[in-house]
């Protein structure tokens, strides 16, 4: 491939630990609204902008329509945001995934920029970054959240924004790394030079193989052998 100028990482499940807590908060927000959703079904919408993920499931189960349906979607999404912010503010177990910070530093030493993008809103992301001490992290050049883009993943707007902000002009010099089908599709839709999936998040290796990324890795440390 071309030289690498920028690596765009997903956050939860890719660079930051998630022991099913996002899934739990998502399902709890639905339960409070009177809709029971299975954990496996929630996994299928991980990676999407969360209001889009809520919409996918609401439209499957809700008997409402029109404005009432939109109110339900907004209510569930708002509650999910509240639950996630509370979790990240209170948790003692949130950690970077193994080698994440080492890889950020290694990329910077190679003059490769590092960015994060996420299906979370900015309010959730800020709580997460603050808990990790990643606000103004010296090895992270930029972070964009799904509510700051015209459209969330799998559309390519967040990658395009990061390229513009970090003055990367050739998308073939961009690598996308994530743990879901939506991450892979985002990288493909943007035209990234490499799309890499990791098995540390919502999807198993078998599920990721169906998404056909360029590489599937079990640890971010393996990026050293690819980039």
Protein backbone atom coordinates (compact mmCIF):
# COMPACT_ATOMS: atom_id res chain seq x y z
CA UNK A 1 0.00 0.00 0.00
CA UNK A 2 0.93 3.67 -0.01
CA UNK A 3 2.81 5.18 2.89
CA UNK A 4 0.66 5.74 5.96
CA UNK A 5 -0.05 9.31 7.06
CA UNK A 6 -3.00 8.78 9.42
CA UNK A 7 -4.50 5.92 11.42
CA UNK A 8 -8.13 6.34 12.51
CA UNK A 9 -9.07 4.16 15.47
CA UNK A 10 -12.49 3.39 16.84
CA UNK A 11 -12.67 3.82 20.62
CA UNK A 12 -14.75 1.30 22.62
CA UNK A 13 -13.72 -2.27 21.87
CA UNK A 14 -10.79 -1.16 19.72
CA UNK A 15 -8.58 1.07 21.87
CA UNK A 16 -10.58 1.08 25.12
CA UNK A 17 -11.92 -1.84 27.13
CA UNK A 18 -15.61 -2.74 27.04
CA UNK A 19 -16.80 -5.66 29.16
CA UNK A 20 -20.31 -5.50 27.73
CA UNK A 21 -21.14 -2.28 29.56
CA UNK A 22 -22.23 -0.41 26.44
CA UNK A 23 -24.55 -3.27 25.53
CA UNK A 24 -25.97 -3.25 29.06
CA UNK A 25 -26.66 0.50 29.03
CA UNK A 26 -28.22 0.26 25.58
CA UNK A 27 -30.56 -2.57 26.62
CA UNK A 28 -31.41 -0.85 29.91
CA UNK A 29 -32.46 2.30 28.05
CA UNK A 30 -34.81 0.19 25.94
CA UNK A 31 -36.11 -1.75 28.96
CA UNK A 32 -37.03 1.50 30.70
CA UNK A 33 -39.05 2.38 27.59
CA UNK A 34 -40.85 -0.97 27.68
CA UNK A 35 -38.89 -2.76 24.95
CA UNK A 36 -36.83 -5.88 25.68
CA UNK A 37 -33.85 -6.41 23.37
CA UNK A 38 -31.43 -9.34 23.35
CA UNK A 39 -27.73 -8.73 23.85
CA UNK A 40 -26.85 -10.39 20.53
CA UNK A 41 -29.15 -8.04 18.64
CA UNK A 42 -27.54 -5.01 20.25
CA UNK A 43 -24.12 -6.25 19.14
CA UNK A 44 -25.27 -6.10 15.51
CA UNK A 45 -25.81 -2.32 15.72
CA UNK A 46 -22.65 -1.48 17.66
CA UNK A 47 -20.47 0.93 15.72
CA UNK A 48 -23.38 2.93 14.34
CA UNK A 49 -24.09 6.44 15.50
CA UNK A 50 -26.09 5.60 18.59
CA UNK A 51 -29.25 7.43 17.61
CA UNK A 52 -29.16 5.45 14.35
CA UNK A 53 -28.68 2.24 16.33
CA UNK A 54 -31.66 3.13 18.50
CA UNK A 55 -33.72 3.88 15.41
CA UNK A 56 -32.92 0.51 13.81
CA UNK A 57 -34.19 -1.38 16.84
CA UNK A 58 -37.17 0.89 17.58
CA UNK A 59 -38.42 0.55 14.01
CA UNK A 60 -38.28 -3.23 14.42
CA UNK A 61 -40.25 -3.42 17.67
CA UNK A 62 -42.29 -0.26 18.11
CA UNK A 63 -45.95 -0.15 17.12
CA UNK A 64 -45.85 3.63 17.06
CA UNK A 65 -45.37 5.74 13.94
CA UNK A 66 -44.53 9.25 12.84
CA UNK A 67 -43.94 11.86 15.52
CA UNK A 68 -44.62 9.44 18.38
CA UNK A 69 -41.96 7.08 17.09
CA UNK A 70 -39.45 9.94 16.86
CA UNK A 71 -40.22 10.93 20.46
CA UNK A 72 -39.56 7.36 21.57
CA UNK A 73 -36.26 7.26 19.68
CA UNK A 74 -35.16 10.55 21.24
CA UNK A 75 -36.19 9.41 24.72
CA UNK A 76 -34.28 6.12 24.50
CA UNK A 77 -31.22 7.82 23.01
CA UNK A 78 -31.23 10.50 25.71
CA UNK A 79 -31.47 7.86 28.42
CA UNK A 80 -28.65 5.85 26.85
CA UNK A 81 -26.45 8.95 26.92
CA UNK A 82 -27.28 9.49 30.59
CA UNK A 83 -26.51 5.88 31.51
CA UNK A 84 -23.21 5.86 29.61
CA UNK A 85 -22.01 9.16 31.07
CA UNK A 86 -22.85 7.93 34.57
CA UNK A 87 -21.02 4.67 33.93
CA UNK A 88 -17.86 6.34 32.63
CA UNK A 89 -17.86 8.86 35.48
CA UNK A 90 -18.19 6.17 38.14
CA UNK A 91 -16.43 3.07 36.79
CA UNK A 92 -13.16 1.88 38.27
CA UNK A 93 -12.58 -0.72 35.55
CA UNK A 94 -12.19 1.39 32.39
CA UNK A 95 -8.74 0.90 30.87
CA UNK A 96 -7.00 1.32 27.52
CA UNK A 97 -6.79 -1.98 25.69
CA UNK A 98 -3.35 -3.64 25.74
CA UNK A 99 -0.74 -1.86 23.63
CA UNK A 100 -3.10 0.99 22.62
CA UNK A 101 -1.00 3.78 24.09
CA UNK A 102 2.24 2.09 23.04
CA UNK A 103 0.96 1.96 19.46
CA UNK A 104 -0.13 5.61 19.54
CA UNK A 105 3.37 6.60 20.63
CA UNK A 106 5.02 4.29 18.05
CA UNK A 107 2.92 5.79 15.25
CA UNK A 108 3.83 9.32 16.30
CA UNK A 109 7.50 8.37 16.30
CA UNK A 110 7.01 7.22 12.69
CA UNK A 111 5.44 10.61 11.85
CA UNK A 112 2.02 8.98 11.46
CA UNK A 113 -0.92 10.92 12.88
CA UNK A 114 -3.40 9.28 15.25
CA UNK A 115 -7.13 10.03 15.41
CA UNK A 116 -10.11 8.54 17.19
CA UNK A 117 -13.67 8.35 15.92
CA UNK A 118 -16.73 6.89 17.57
CA UNK A 119 -20.44 6.20 17.39
CA UNK A 120 -20.77 7.95 20.76
CA UNK A 121 -21.94 11.52 21.21
CA UNK A 122 -19.47 14.14 22.42
CA UNK A 123 -20.92 14.13 25.95
CA UNK A 124 -20.25 10.39 26.35
CA UNK A 125 -16.84 10.64 24.71
CA UNK A 126 -15.75 13.49 26.97
CA UNK A 127 -16.69 11.44 30.04
CA UNK A 128 -14.73 8.46 28.70
CA UNK A 129 -11.65 10.50 27.77
CA UNK A 130 -11.67 12.27 31.13
CA UNK A 131 -11.86 8.98 33.00
CA UNK A 132 -8.87 7.64 31.07
CA UNK A 133 -6.91 10.88 31.32
CA UNK A 134 -6.91 11.04 27.53
CA UNK A 135 -8.03 14.66 27.26
CA UNK A 136 -5.22 16.42 25.39
CA UNK A 137 -3.32 13.14 25.07
CA UNK A 138 0.05 13.99 23.45
CA UNK A 139 -0.17 11.06 21.03
CA UNK A 140 -3.77 11.60 19.86
CA UNK A 141 -4.04 14.32 17.24
CA UNK A 142 -7.82 14.54 16.91
CA UNK A 143 -11.09 13.04 18.16
CA UNK A 144 -14.44 13.27 16.37
CA UNK A 145 -17.81 12.04 17.64
CA UNK A 146 -20.82 10.91 15.66
CA UNK A 147 -22.98 13.90 16.60
CA UNK A 148 -20.34 16.23 15.14
CA UNK A 149 -20.62 14.78 11.62
CA UNK A 150 -23.27 15.22 8.94
CA UNK A 151 -23.84 11.47 9.06
CA UNK A 152 -22.44 8.70 11.21
CA UNK A 153 -20.76 5.44 10.24
CA UNK A 154 -20.76 3.64 7.86
CA UNK A 155 -20.71 6.93 5.93
CA UNK A 156 -17.24 8.38 5.48
CA UNK A 157 -17.81 11.91 6.83
CA UNK A 158 -15.87 11.46 10.07
CA UNK A 159 -12.79 10.20 8.22
CA UNK A 160 -13.07 13.05 5.71
CA UNK A 161 -13.28 15.54 8.59
CA UNK A 162 -10.20 14.08 10.25
CA UNK A 163 -8.25 14.18 7.00
CA UNK A 164 -9.15 17.83 6.50
CA UNK A 165 -8.30 18.80 10.08
CA UNK A 166 -4.97 16.96 10.00
CA UNK A 167 -4.08 18.02 6.44
CA UNK A 168 -3.97 14.52 4.99
CA UNK A 169 -4.87 14.77 1.31
CA UNK A 170 -4.63 11.18 0.04
CA UNK A 171 -7.18 8.76 1.51
CA UNK A 172 -4.99 5.86 0.39
CA UNK A 173 -2.57 7.00 3.12
CA UNK A 174 -5.29 6.52 5.75
CA UNK A 175 -5.75 3.31 7.75
CA UNK A 176 -9.01 2.55 9.55
CA UNK A 177 -8.98 0.26 12.61
CA UNK A 178 -12.15 -0.93 14.33
CA UNK A 179 -14.00 -3.86 15.88
CA UNK A 180 -17.34 -3.91 14.01
CA UNK A 181 -18.80 -4.37 10.56
CA UNK A 182 -19.69 -0.68 10.52
CA UNK A 183 -16.03 0.25 11.07
CA UNK A 184 -15.01 -1.88 8.10
CA UNK A 185 -17.72 -0.37 5.91
CA UNK A 186 -16.71 3.14 6.96
CA UNK A 187 -13.14 2.47 5.90
CA UNK A 188 -14.28 1.02 2.58
CA UNK A 189 -16.69 3.88 1.90
CA UNK A 190 -13.93 6.40 2.57
CA UNK A 191 -11.53 4.55 0.27
CA UNK A 192 -8.89 3.97 2.96
CA UNK A 193 -5.65 2.33 1.89
CA UNK A 194 -6.07 -0.33 4.59
CA UNK A 195 -9.03 -1.43 6.69
CA UNK A 196 -8.09 -3.46 9.76
CA UNK A 197 -10.48 -5.23 12.13
CA UNK A 198 -9.69 -6.22 15.72
CA UNK A 199 -11.20 -9.10 17.69
CA UNK A 200 -11.14 -7.24 21.02
CA UNK A 201 -14.65 -5.79 20.77
CA UNK A 202 -18.20 -6.58 19.71
CA UNK A 203 -17.47 -9.00 16.85
CA UNK A 204 -15.83 -12.42 16.82
CA UNK A 205 -13.15 -13.34 14.31
CA UNK A 206 -15.70 -15.41 12.36
CA UNK A 207 -18.06 -12.44 12.17
CA UNK A 208 -15.26 -10.10 11.11
CA UNK A 209 -14.18 -12.51 8.38
CA UNK A 210 -17.62 -12.04 6.82
CA UNK A 211 -16.92 -8.28 6.66
CA UNK A 212 -13.76 -8.83 4.57
CA UNK A 213 -11.32 -6.31 6.05
CA UNK A 214 -7.76 -6.32 4.72
CA UNK A 215 -6.46 -7.72 8.02
CA UNK A 216 -7.93 -9.15 11.21
CA UNK A 217 -5.77 -8.81 14.31
CA UNK A 218 -6.16 -10.00 17.90
CA UNK A 219 -4.06 -7.23 19.42
CA UNK A 220 -3.10 -3.69 18.46
CA UNK A 221 0.52 -4.78 18.89
CA UNK A 222 0.16 -6.61 15.56
CA UNK A 223 -0.09 -3.26 13.78
CA UNK A 224 3.70 -3.09 14.02
CA UNK A 225 3.96 -5.94 11.51
CA UNK A 226 1.44 -4.38 9.11
CA UNK A 227 2.23 -0.65 9.02
